[in-house]
Full PDB file with SEQRES, HELIX, SHEET, SSBOND, CRYST1, ORIGX, SCALE, CONECT and MASTER records, all heavy atoms in Angstrom:
SEQRES   1 A   36  LYS ASN ILE ALA PRO GLY MET ASN ARG SER PHE LEU ALA          
SEQRES   2 A   36  GLU ASN TRP THR ASN LEU ILE PRO LYS LYS GLU TRP TYR          
SEQRES   3 A   36  GLU VAL GLY GLN GLU ALA MET ASP LEU VAL                      
HELIX    1 AA1 LEU A   12  ASN A   15  5                                   4    
HELIX    2 AA2 LYS A   22  LEU A   35  1                                  14    
CRYST1    1.000    1.000    1.000  90.00  90.00  90.00 P 1           1          
ORIGX1      1.000000  0.000000  0.000000        0.00000                         
ORIGX2      0.000000  1.000000  0.000000        0.00000                         
ORIGX3      0.000000  0.000000  1.000000        0.00000                         
SCALE1      1.000000  0.000000  0.000000        0.00000                         
SCALE2      0.000000  1.000000  0.000000        0.00000                         
SCALE3      0.000000  0.000000  1.000000        0.00000                         
ATOM      1  N   LYS A   1      97.467 101.475 101.091  1.00  0.00           N  
ATOM      2  CA  LYS A   1      96.893 100.169 101.445  1.00  0.00           C  
ATOM      3  C   LYS A   1      96.137 100.205 102.769  1.00  0.00           C  
ATOM      4  O   LYS A   1      95.578  99.198 103.198  1.00  0.00           O  
ATOM      5  CB  LYS A   1      97.997  99.111 101.528  1.00  0.00           C  
ATOM      6  CG  LYS A   1      98.573  98.696 100.190  1.00  0.00           C  
ATOM      7  CD  LYS A   1      99.550  97.539 100.342  1.00  0.00           C  
ATOM      8  CE  LYS A   1      98.885  96.247 100.786  1.00  0.00           C  
ATOM      9  NZ  LYS A   1      99.814  95.090 100.767  1.00  0.00           N  
ATOM     10  N   ASN A   2      96.153 101.381 103.430  1.00  0.00           N  
ATOM     11  CA  ASN A   2      95.501 101.545 104.734  1.00  0.00           C  
ATOM     12  C   ASN A   2      96.094 100.601 105.777  1.00  0.00           C  
ATOM     13  O   ASN A   2      95.376 100.011 106.595  1.00  0.00           O  
ATOM     14  CB  ASN A   2      93.989 101.322 104.616  1.00  0.00           C  
ATOM     15  CG  ASN A   2      93.219 102.081 105.691  1.00  0.00           C  
ATOM     16  OD1 ASN A   2      93.732 103.038 106.273  1.00  0.00           O  
ATOM     17  ND2 ASN A   2      92.006 101.655 105.966  1.00  0.00           N  
ATOM     18  N   ILE A   3      97.417 100.462 105.741  1.00  0.00           N  
ATOM     19  CA  ILE A   3      98.125  99.656 106.741  1.00  0.00           C  
ATOM     20  C   ILE A   3      98.409 100.538 107.952  1.00  0.00           C  
ATOM     21  O   ILE A   3      99.093 101.552 107.846  1.00  0.00           O  
ATOM     22  CB  ILE A   3      99.449  99.106 106.179  1.00  0.00           C  
ATOM     23  CG1 ILE A   3      99.182  98.141 105.025  1.00  0.00           C  
ATOM     24  CG2 ILE A   3     100.252  98.405 107.268  1.00  0.00           C  
ATOM     25  CD1 ILE A   3     100.445  97.650 104.337  1.00  0.00           C  
ATOM     26  N   ALA A   4      97.893 100.174 109.103  1.00  0.00           N  
ATOM     27  CA  ALA A   4      98.145 100.936 110.329  1.00  0.00           C  
ATOM     28  C   ALA A   4      99.634 100.866 110.657  1.00  0.00           C  
ATOM     29  O   ALA A   4     100.226  99.788 110.643  1.00  0.00           O  
ATOM     30  CB  ALA A   4      97.323 100.372 111.485  1.00  0.00           C  
ATOM     31  N   PRO A   5     100.270 102.005 110.977  1.00  0.00           N  
ATOM     32  CA  PRO A   5     101.721 102.022 111.171  1.00  0.00           C  
ATOM     33  C   PRO A   5     102.203 101.182 112.346  1.00  0.00           C  
ATOM     34  O   PRO A   5     103.324 100.701 112.351  1.00  0.00           O  
ATOM     35  CB  PRO A   5     102.035 103.505 111.381  1.00  0.00           C  
ATOM     36  CG  PRO A   5     100.752 104.105 111.846  1.00  0.00           C  
ATOM     37  CD  PRO A   5      99.680 103.349 111.136  1.00  0.00           C  
ATOM     38  N   GLY A   6     101.340 100.998 113.371  1.00  0.00           N  
ATOM     39  CA  GLY A   6     101.766 100.234 114.540  1.00  0.00           C  
ATOM     40  C   GLY A   6     101.257  98.805 114.558  1.00  0.00           C  
ATOM     41  O   GLY A   6     101.274  98.143 115.598  1.00  0.00           O  
ATOM     42  N   MET A   7     100.812  98.331 113.402  1.00  0.00           N  
ATOM     43  CA  MET A   7     100.160  97.018 113.346  1.00  0.00           C  
ATOM     44  C   MET A   7     101.110  95.859 113.636  1.00  0.00           C  
ATOM     45  O   MET A   7     100.708  94.824 114.158  1.00  0.00           O  
ATOM     46  CB  MET A   7      99.527  96.834 111.960  1.00  0.00           C  
ATOM     47  CG  MET A   7      98.469  95.757 111.909  1.00  0.00           C  
ATOM     48  SD  MET A   7      97.572  95.765 110.343  1.00  0.00           S  
ATOM     49  CE  MET A   7      98.775  95.036 109.247  1.00  0.00           C  
ATOM     50  N   ASN A   8     102.389  96.036 113.304  1.00  0.00           N  
ATOM     51  CA  ASN A   8     103.329  94.916 113.418  1.00  0.00           C  
ATOM     52  C   ASN A   8     104.409  95.146 114.462  1.00  0.00           C  
ATOM     53  O   ASN A   8     105.551  94.730 114.296  1.00  0.00           O  
ATOM     54  CB  ASN A   8     103.973  94.651 112.041  1.00  0.00           C  
ATOM     55  CG  ASN A   8     102.953  94.194 111.022  1.00  0.00           C  
ATOM     56  OD1 ASN A   8     102.157  93.311 111.300  1.00  0.00           O  
ATOM     57  ND2 ASN A   8     102.968  94.817 109.855  1.00  0.00           N  
ATOM     58  N   ARG A   9     104.040  95.818 115.550  1.00  0.00           N  
ATOM     59  CA  ARG A   9     105.004  96.048 116.621  1.00  0.00           C  
ATOM     60  C   ARG A   9     104.297  95.955 117.969  1.00  0.00           C  
ATOM     61  O   ARG A   9     103.074  95.790 118.032  1.00  0.00           O  
ATOM     62  CB  ARG A   9     105.691  97.398 116.453  1.00  0.00           C  
ATOM     63  CG  ARG A   9     104.749  98.584 116.321  1.00  0.00           C  
ATOM     64  CD  ARG A   9     105.433  99.885 116.699  1.00  0.00           C  
ATOM     65  NE  ARG A   9     105.698  99.947 118.140  1.00  0.00           N  
ATOM     66  CZ  ARG A   9     106.475 100.868 118.693  1.00  0.00           C  
ATOM     67  NH1 ARG A   9     107.082 101.778 117.950  1.00  0.00           N  
ATOM     68  NH2 ARG A   9     106.651 100.886 120.015  1.00  0.00           N  
ATOM     69  N   SER A  10     105.065  96.034 119.041  1.00  0.00           N  
ATOM     70  CA  SER A  10     104.492  95.933 120.387  1.00  0.00           C  
ATOM     71  C   SER A  10     104.614  97.269 121.114  1.00  0.00           C  
ATOM     72  O   SER A  10     105.336  98.171 120.676  1.00  0.00           O  
ATOM     73  CB  SER A  10     105.198  94.835 121.185  1.00  0.00           C  
ATOM     74  OG  SER A  10     106.584  95.114 121.279  1.00  0.00           O  
ATOM     75  N   PHE A  11     103.919  97.369 122.255  1.00  0.00           N  
ATOM     76  CA  PHE A  11     103.886  98.606 123.032  1.00  0.00           C  
ATOM     77  C   PHE A  11     103.986  98.270 124.517  1.00  0.00           C  
ATOM     78  O   PHE A  11     103.503  97.225 124.969  1.00  0.00           O  
ATOM     79  CB  PHE A  11     102.585  99.369 122.763  1.00  0.00           C  
ATOM     80  CG  PHE A  11     102.287  99.555 121.303  1.00  0.00           C  
ATOM     81  CD1 PHE A  11     101.472  98.661 120.628  1.00  0.00           C  
ATOM     82  CD2 PHE A  11     102.860 100.599 120.590  1.00  0.00           C  
ATOM     83  CE1 PHE A  11     101.214  98.807 119.278  1.00  0.00           C  
ATOM     84  CE2 PHE A  11     102.611 100.754 119.242  1.00  0.00           C  
ATOM     85  CZ  PHE A  11     101.789  99.863 118.579  1.00  0.00           C  
ATOM     86  N   LEU A  12     104.584  99.176 125.281  1.00  0.00           N  
ATOM     87  CA  LEU A  12     104.745  98.953 126.718  1.00  0.00           C  
ATOM     88  C   LEU A  12     103.419  98.692 127.412  1.00  0.00           C  
ATOM     89  O   LEU A  12     103.307  97.815 128.271  1.00  0.00           O  
ATOM     90  CB  LEU A  12     105.405 100.172 127.361  1.00  0.00           C  
ATOM     91  CG  LEU A  12     106.914 100.180 127.544  1.00  0.00           C  
ATOM     92  CD1 LEU A  12     107.333 101.416 128.308  1.00  0.00           C  
ATOM     93  CD2 LEU A  12     107.385  98.933 128.278  1.00  0.00           C  
ATOM     94  N   ALA A  13     102.392  99.455 127.043  1.00  0.00           N  
ATOM     95  CA  ALA A  13     101.113  99.382 127.752  1.00  0.00           C  
ATOM     96  C   ALA A  13     100.357  98.082 127.501  1.00  0.00           C  
ATOM     97  O   ALA A  13      99.326  97.846 128.125  1.00  0.00           O  
ATOM     98  CB  ALA A  13     100.240 100.581 127.389  1.00  0.00           C  
ATOM     99  N   GLU A  14     100.856  97.229 126.599  1.00  0.00           N  
ATOM    100  CA  GLU A  14     100.223  95.918 126.423  1.00  0.00           C  
ATOM    101  C   GLU A  14     100.302  95.099 127.707  1.00  0.00           C  
ATOM    102  O   GLU A  14      99.506  94.182 127.910  1.00  0.00           O  
ATOM    103  CB  GLU A  14     100.903  95.159 125.273  1.00  0.00           C  
ATOM    104  CG  GLU A  14     100.573  95.718 123.899  1.00  0.00           C  
ATOM    105  CD  GLU A  14     101.239  94.926 122.787  1.00  0.00           C  
ATOM    106  OE1 GLU A  14     100.951  93.707 122.691  1.00  0.00           O  
ATOM    107  OE2 GLU A  14     102.036  95.504 122.019  1.00  0.00           O  
ATOM    108  N   ASN A  15     101.262  95.439 128.573  1.00  0.00           N  
ATOM    109  CA  ASN A  15     101.419  94.721 129.845  1.00  0.00           C  
ATOM    110  C   ASN A  15     100.734  95.423 131.013  1.00  0.00           C  
ATOM    111  O   ASN A  15     100.812  94.962 132.142  1.00  0.00           O  
ATOM    112  CB  ASN A  15     102.917  94.554 130.162  1.00  0.00           C  
ATOM    113  CG  ASN A  15     103.628  93.701 129.136  1.00  0.00           C  
ATOM    114  OD1 ASN A  15     103.129  92.653 128.745  1.00  0.00           O  
ATOM    115  ND2 ASN A  15     104.798  94.150 128.680  1.00  0.00           N  
ATOM    116  N   TRP A  16     100.039  96.535 130.723  1.00  0.00           N  
ATOM    117  CA  TRP A  16      99.347  97.273 131.785  1.00  0.00           C  
ATOM    118  C   TRP A  16      97.940  96.704 131.979  1.00  0.00           C  
ATOM    119  O   TRP A  16      96.935  97.371 131.744  1.00  0.00           O  
ATOM    120  CB  TRP A  16      99.252  98.749 131.435  1.00  0.00           C  
ATOM    121  CG  TRP A  16     100.567  99.467 131.358  1.00  0.00           C  
ATOM    122  CD1 TRP A  16     101.820  98.943 131.480  1.00  0.00           C  
ATOM    123  CD2 TRP A  16     100.750 100.867 131.125  1.00  0.00           C  
ATOM    124  NE1 TRP A  16     102.772  99.913 131.337  1.00  0.00           N  
ATOM    125  CE2 TRP A  16     102.146 101.119 131.118  1.00  0.00           C  
ATOM    126  CE3 TRP A  16      99.879 101.928 130.916  1.00  0.00           C  
ATOM    127  CZ2 TRP A  16     102.685 102.384 130.909  1.00  0.00           C  
ATOM    128  CZ3 TRP A  16     100.408 103.200 130.709  1.00  0.00           C  
ATOM    129  CH2 TRP A  16     101.798 103.434 130.714  1.00  0.00           C  
ATOM    130  N   THR A  17      97.869  95.488 132.421  1.00  0.00           N  
ATOM    131  CA  THR A  17      96.551  94.841 132.535  1.00  0.00           C  
ATOM    132  C   THR A  17      95.691  95.469 133.634  1.00  0.00           C  
ATOM    133  O   THR A  17      94.477  95.256 133.669  1.00  0.00           O  
ATOM    134  CB  THR A  17      96.721  93.340 132.814  1.00  0.00           C  
ATOM    135  OG1 THR A  17      97.617  93.152 133.920  1.00  0.00           O  
ATOM    136  CG2 THR A  17      97.304  92.632 131.588  1.00  0.00           C  
ATOM    137  N   ASN A  18      96.298  96.240 134.536  1.00  0.00           N  
ATOM    138  CA  ASN A  18      95.519  96.945 135.554  1.00  0.00           C  
ATOM    139  C   ASN A  18      94.744  98.119 134.950  1.00  0.00           C  
ATOM    140  O   ASN A  18      93.764  98.589 135.529  1.00  0.00           O  
ATOM    141  CB  ASN A  18      96.435  97.445 136.674  1.00  0.00           C  
ATOM    142  CG  ASN A  18      97.497  98.425 136.159  1.00  0.00           C  
ATOM    143  OD1 ASN A  18      98.127  98.176 135.128  1.00  0.00           O  
ATOM    144  ND2 ASN A  18      97.712  99.512 136.873  1.00  0.00           N  
ATOM    145  N   LEU A  19      95.179  98.600 133.761  1.00  0.00           N  
ATOM    146  CA  LEU A  19      94.523  99.734 133.112  1.00  0.00           C  
ATOM    147  C   LEU A  19      93.842  99.362 131.802  1.00  0.00           C  
ATOM    148  O   LEU A  19      92.799  99.922 131.458  1.00  0.00           O  
ATOM    149  CB  LEU A  19      95.551 100.849 132.833  1.00  0.00           C  
ATOM    150  CG  LEU A  19      96.199 101.524 134.047  1.00  0.00           C  
ATOM    151  CD1 LEU A  19      97.275 102.496 133.585  1.00  0.00           C  
ATOM    152  CD2 LEU A  19      95.162 102.246 134.888  1.00  0.00           C  
ATOM    153  N   ILE A  20      94.454  98.449 131.053  1.00  0.00           N  
ATOM    154  CA  ILE A  20      93.949  98.109 129.717  1.00  0.00           C  
ATOM    155  C   ILE A  20      93.801  96.593 129.593  1.00  0.00           C  
ATOM    156  O   ILE A  20      94.805  95.877 129.579  1.00  0.00           O  
ATOM    157  CB  ILE A  20      94.909  98.618 128.616  1.00  0.00           C  
ATOM    158  CG1 ILE A  20      95.235 100.106 128.826  1.00  0.00           C  
ATOM    159  CG2 ILE A  20      94.307  98.396 127.226  1.00  0.00           C  
ATOM    160  CD1 ILE A  20      96.338 100.625 127.925  1.00  0.00           C  
ATOM    161  N   PRO A  21      92.582  96.090 129.501  1.00  0.00           N  
ATOM    162  CA  PRO A  21      92.401  94.636 129.318  1.00  0.00           C  
ATOM    163  C   PRO A  21      93.073  94.157 128.046  1.00  0.00           C  
ATOM    164  O   PRO A  21      93.089  94.855 127.030  1.00  0.00           O  
ATOM    165  CB  PRO A  21      90.872  94.489 129.221  1.00  0.00           C  
ATOM    166  CG  PRO A  21      90.310  95.710 129.863  1.00  0.00           C  
ATOM    167  CD  PRO A  21      91.287  96.809 129.587  1.00  0.00           C  
ATOM    168  N   LYS A  22      93.654  92.971 128.092  1.00  0.00           N  
ATOM    169  CA  LYS A  22      94.356  92.409 126.928  1.00  0.00           C  
ATOM    170  C   LYS A  22      93.457  92.369 125.698  1.00  0.00           C  
ATOM    171  O   LYS A  22      93.922  92.527 124.566  1.00  0.00           O  
ATOM    172  CB  LYS A  22      94.849  90.997 127.252  1.00  0.00           C  
ATOM    173  CG  LYS A  22      96.120  90.944 128.093  1.00  0.00           C  
ATOM    174  CD  LYS A  22      97.347  91.249 127.240  1.00  0.00           C  
ATOM    175  CE  LYS A  22      98.625  90.982 128.025  1.00  0.00           C  
ATOM    176  NZ  LYS A  22      99.834  91.339 127.226  1.00  0.00           N  
ATOM    177  N   LYS A  23      92.164  92.143 125.910  1.00  0.00           N  
ATOM    178  CA  LYS A  23      91.252  92.008 124.767  1.00  0.00           C  
ATOM    179  C   LYS A  23      91.156  93.310 123.966  1.00  0.00           C  
ATOM    180  O   LYS A  23      90.869  93.283 122.767  1.00  0.00           O  
ATOM    181  CB  LYS A  23      89.875  91.557 125.221  1.00  0.00           C  
ATOM    182  CG  LYS A  23      89.045  92.589 125.973  1.00  0.00           C  
ATOM    183  CD  LYS A  23      87.686  92.041 126.336  1.00  0.00           C  
ATOM    184  CE  LYS A  23      86.807  93.086 127.013  1.00  0.00           C  
ATOM    185  NZ  LYS A  23      86.444  94.203 126.129  1.00  0.00           N  
ATOM    186  N   GLU A  24      91.417  94.461 124.620  1.00  0.00           N  
ATOM    187  CA  GLU A  24      91.377  95.728 123.901  1.00  0.00           C  
ATOM    188  C   GLU A  24      92.463  95.752 122.815  1.00  0.00           C  
ATOM    189  O   GLU A  24      92.219  96.159 121.677  1.00  0.00           O  
ATOM    190  CB  GLU A  24      91.583  96.906 124.858  1.00  0.00           C  
ATOM    191  CG  GLU A  24      90.528  97.049 125.936  1.00  0.00           C  
ATOM    192  CD  GLU A  24      89.265  97.752 125.441  1.00  0.00           C  
ATOM    193  OE1 GLU A  24      89.044  97.822 124.216  1.00  0.00           O  
ATOM    194  OE2 GLU A  24      88.493  98.219 126.298  1.00  0.00           O  
ATOM    195  N   TRP A  25      93.662  95.305 123.171  1.00  0.00           N  
ATOM    196  CA  TRP A  25      94.763  95.265 122.199  1.00  0.00           C  
ATOM    197  C   TRP A  25      94.435  94.287 121.072  1.00  0.00           C  
ATOM    198  O   TRP A  25      94.682  94.576 119.899  1.00  0.00           O  
ATOM    199  CB  TRP A  25      96.063  94.865 122.882  1.00  0.00           C  
ATOM    200  CG  TRP A  25      96.605  95.929 123.795  1.00  0.00           C  
ATOM    201  CD1 TRP A  25      96.537  95.957 125.158  1.00  0.00           C  
ATOM    202  CD2 TRP A  25      97.272  97.143 123.412  1.00  0.00           C  
ATOM    203  NE1 TRP A  25      97.125  97.091 125.645  1.00  0.00           N  
ATOM    204  CE2 TRP A  25      97.586  97.836 124.596  1.00  0.00           C  
ATOM    205  CE3 TRP A  25      97.632  97.689 122.189  1.00  0.00           C  
ATOM    206  CZ2 TRP A  25      98.259  99.064 124.590  1.00  0.00           C  
ATOM    207  CZ3 TRP A  25      98.306  98.912 122.169  1.00  0.00           C  
ATOM    208  CH2 TRP A  25      98.604  99.585 123.352  1.00  0.00           C  
ATOM    209  N   TYR A  26      93.883  93.154 121.441  1.00  0.00           N  
ATOM    210  CA  TYR A  26      93.554  92.150 120.430  1.00  0.00           C  
ATOM    211  C   TYR A  26      92.495  92.696 119.464  1.00  0.00           C  
ATOM    212  O   TYR A  26      92.629  92.556 118.240  1.00  0.00           O  
ATOM    213  CB  TYR A  26      93.046  90.870 121.100  1.00  0.00           C  
ATOM    214  CG  TYR A  26      92.533  89.866 120.101  1.00  0.00           C  
ATOM    215  CD1 TYR A  26      93.414  89.061 119.381  1.00  0.00           C  
ATOM    216  CD2 TYR A  26      91.161  89.724 119.862  1.00  0.00           C  
ATOM    217  CE1 TYR A  26      92.945  88.149 118.439  1.00  0.00           C  
ATOM    218  CE2 TYR A  26      90.676  88.822 118.926  1.00  0.00           C  
ATOM    219  CZ  TYR A  26      91.579  88.034 118.221  1.00  0.00           C  
ATOM    220  OH  TYR A  26      91.118  87.144 117.287  1.00  0.00           O  
ATOM    221  N   GLU A  27      91.450  93.306 120.001  1.00  0.00           N  
ATOM    222  CA  GLU A  27      90.357  93.794 119.155  1.00  0.00           C  
ATOM    223  C   GLU A  27      90.805  94.934 118.243  1.00  0.00           C  
ATOM    224  O   GLU A  27      90.413  94.991 117.073  1.00  0.00           O  
ATOM    225  CB  GLU A  27      89.180  94.238 120.039  1.00  0.00           C  
ATOM    226  CG  GLU A  27      88.467  93.063 120.691  1.00  0.00           C  
ATOM    227  CD  GLU A  27      87.406  93.490 121.696  1.00  0.00           C  
ATOM    228  OE1 GLU A  27      87.254  94.730 121.908  1.00  0.00           O  
ATOM    229  OE2 GLU A  27      86.746  92.612 122.286  1.00  0.00           O  
ATOM    230  N   VAL A  28      91.637  95.841 118.763  1.00  0.00           N  
ATOM    231  CA  VAL A  28      92.127  96.940 117.930  1.00  0.00           C  
ATOM    232  C   VAL A  28      93.092  96.410 116.870  1.00  0.00           C  
ATOM    233  O   VAL A  28      93.074  96.855 115.715  1.00  0.00           O  
ATOM    234  CB  VAL A  28      92.790  98.029 118.789  1.00  0.00           C  
ATOM    235  CG1 VAL A  28      93.410  99.115 117.901  1.00  0.00           C  
ATOM    236  CG2 VAL A  28      91.774  98.653 119.736  1.00  0.00           C  
ATOM    237  N   GLY A  29      93.923  95.426 117.250  1.00  0.00           N  
ATOM    238  CA  GLY A  29      94.810  94.805 116.271  1.00  0.00           C  
ATOM    239  C   GLY A  29      94.031  94.134 115.158  1.00  0.00           C  
ATOM    240  O   GLY A  29      94.395  94.205 113.978  1.00  0.00           O  
ATOM    241  N   GLN A  30      92.921  93.493 115.529  1.00  0.00           N  
ATOM    242  CA  GLN A  30      92.064  92.839 114.533  1.00  0.00           C  
ATOM    243  C   GLN A  30      91.402  93.883 113.632  1.00  0.00           C  
ATOM    244  O   GLN A  30      91.291  93.686 112.414  1.00  0.00           O  
ATOM    245  CB  GLN A  30      90.994  92.003 115.236  1.00  0.00           C  
ATOM    246  CG  GLN A  30      90.182  91.118 114.305  1.00  0.00           C  
ATOM    247  CD  GLN A  30      91.031  90.075 113.582  1.00  0.00           C  
ATOM    248  OE1 GLN A  30      91.791  89.356 114.215  1.00  0.00           O  
ATOM    249  NE2 GLN A  30      90.912  90.028 112.265  1.00  0.00           N  
ATOM    250  N   GLU A  31      90.989  94.996 114.240  1.00  0.00           N  
ATOM    251  CA  GLU A  31      90.411  96.088 113.447  1.00  0.00           C  
ATOM    252  C   GLU A  31      91.410  96.581 112.401  1.00  0.00           C  
ATOM    253  O   GLU A  31      91.050  96.805 111.235  1.00  0.00           O  
ATOM    254  CB  GLU A  31      90.028  97.248 114.376  1.00  0.00           C  
ATOM    255  CG  GLU A  31      89.486  98.483 113.646  1.00  0.00           C  
ATOM    256  CD  GLU A  31      89.360  99.697 114.560  1.00  0.00           C  
ATOM    257  OE1 GLU A  31      89.671  99.599 115.760  1.00  0.00           O  
ATOM    258  OE2 GLU A  31      88.967 100.766 114.039  1.00  0.00           O  
ATOM    259  N   ALA A  32      92.672  96.740 112.818  1.00  0.00           N  
ATOM    260  CA  ALA A  32      93.707  97.210 111.895  1.00  0.00           C  
ATOM    261  C   ALA A  32      93.898  96.225 110.741  1.00  0.00           C  
ATOM    262  O   ALA A  32      94.013  96.629 109.574  1.00  0.00           O  
ATOM    263  CB  ALA A  32      95.024  97.414 112.645  1.00  0.00           C  
ATOM    264  N   MET A  33      93.913  94.936 111.044  1.00  0.00           N  
ATOM    265  CA  MET A  33      94.090  93.925 109.996  1.00  0.00           C  
ATOM    266  C   MET A  33      92.911  93.920 109.023  1.00  0.00           C  
ATOM    267  O   MET A  33      93.090  93.787 107.811  1.00  0.00           O  
ATOM    268  CB  MET A  33      94.275  92.542 110.617  1.00  0.00           C  
ATOM    269  CG  MET A  33      95.638  92.336 111.249  1.00  0.00           C  
ATOM    270  SD  MET A  33      95.958  90.615 111.713  1.00  0.00           S  
ATOM    271  CE  MET A  33      94.985  90.492 113.205  1.00  0.00           C  
ATOM    272  N   ASP A  34      91.714  94.104 109.568  1.00  0.00           N  
ATOM    273  CA  ASP A  34      90.513  94.089 108.722  1.00  0.00           C  
ATOM    274  C   ASP A  34      90.469  95.280 107.767  1.00  0.00           C  
ATOM    275  O   ASP A  34      89.835  95.203 106.708  1.00  0.00           O  
ATOM    276  CB  ASP A  34      89.253  94.096 109.598  1.00  0.00           C  
ATOM    277  CG  ASP A  34      89.073  92.792 110.370  1.00  0.00           C  
ATOM    278  OD1 ASP A  34      89.726  91.785 110.003  1.00  0.00           O  
ATOM    279  OD2 ASP A  34      88.295  92.788 111.341  1.00  0.00           O  
ATOM    280  N   LEU A  35      91.130  96.377 108.131  1.00  0.00           N  
ATOM    281  CA  LEU A  35      91.077  97.586 107.320  1.00  0.00           C  
ATOM    282  C   LEU A  35      92.099  97.611 106.180  1.00  0.00           C  
ATOM    283  O   LEU A  35      92.031  98.465 105.299  1.00  0.00           O  
ATOM    284  CB  LEU A  35      91.287  98.821 108.207  1.00  0.00           C  
ATOM    285  CG  LEU A  35      90.124  99.167 109.154  1.00  0.00           C  
ATOM    286  CD1 LEU A  35      90.551 100.262 110.125  1.00  0.00           C  
ATOM    287  CD2 LEU A  35      88.895  99.596 108.367  1.00  0.00           C  
ATOM    288  N   VAL A  36      93.053  96.690 106.192  1.00  0.00           N  
ATOM    289  CA  VAL A  36      94.084  96.660 105.141  1.00  0.00           C  
ATOM    290  C   VAL A  36      93.445  96.340 103.791  1.00  0.00           C  
ATOM    291  O   VAL A  36      92.631  95.424 103.673  1.00  0.00           O  
ATOM    292  CB  VAL A  36      95.179  95.620 105.463  1.00  0.00           C  
ATOM    293  CG1 VAL A  36      96.173  95.518 104.304  1.00  0.00           C  
ATOM    294  CG2 VAL A  36      95.906  96.000 106.750  1.00  0.00           C  
TER     295      VAL A  36                                                      
MASTER        0    0    0    2    0    0    0    6  294    1    0    3          
END                                                                             
């Protein structure tokens, strides 16, 4: 089904806003949903 394995969980680096903007997580999560 092309379900990304990490699509339905969280990661420590989601809180690393000094390194990774929140929008990056949102956009990649949206990409994963679109590919299902």
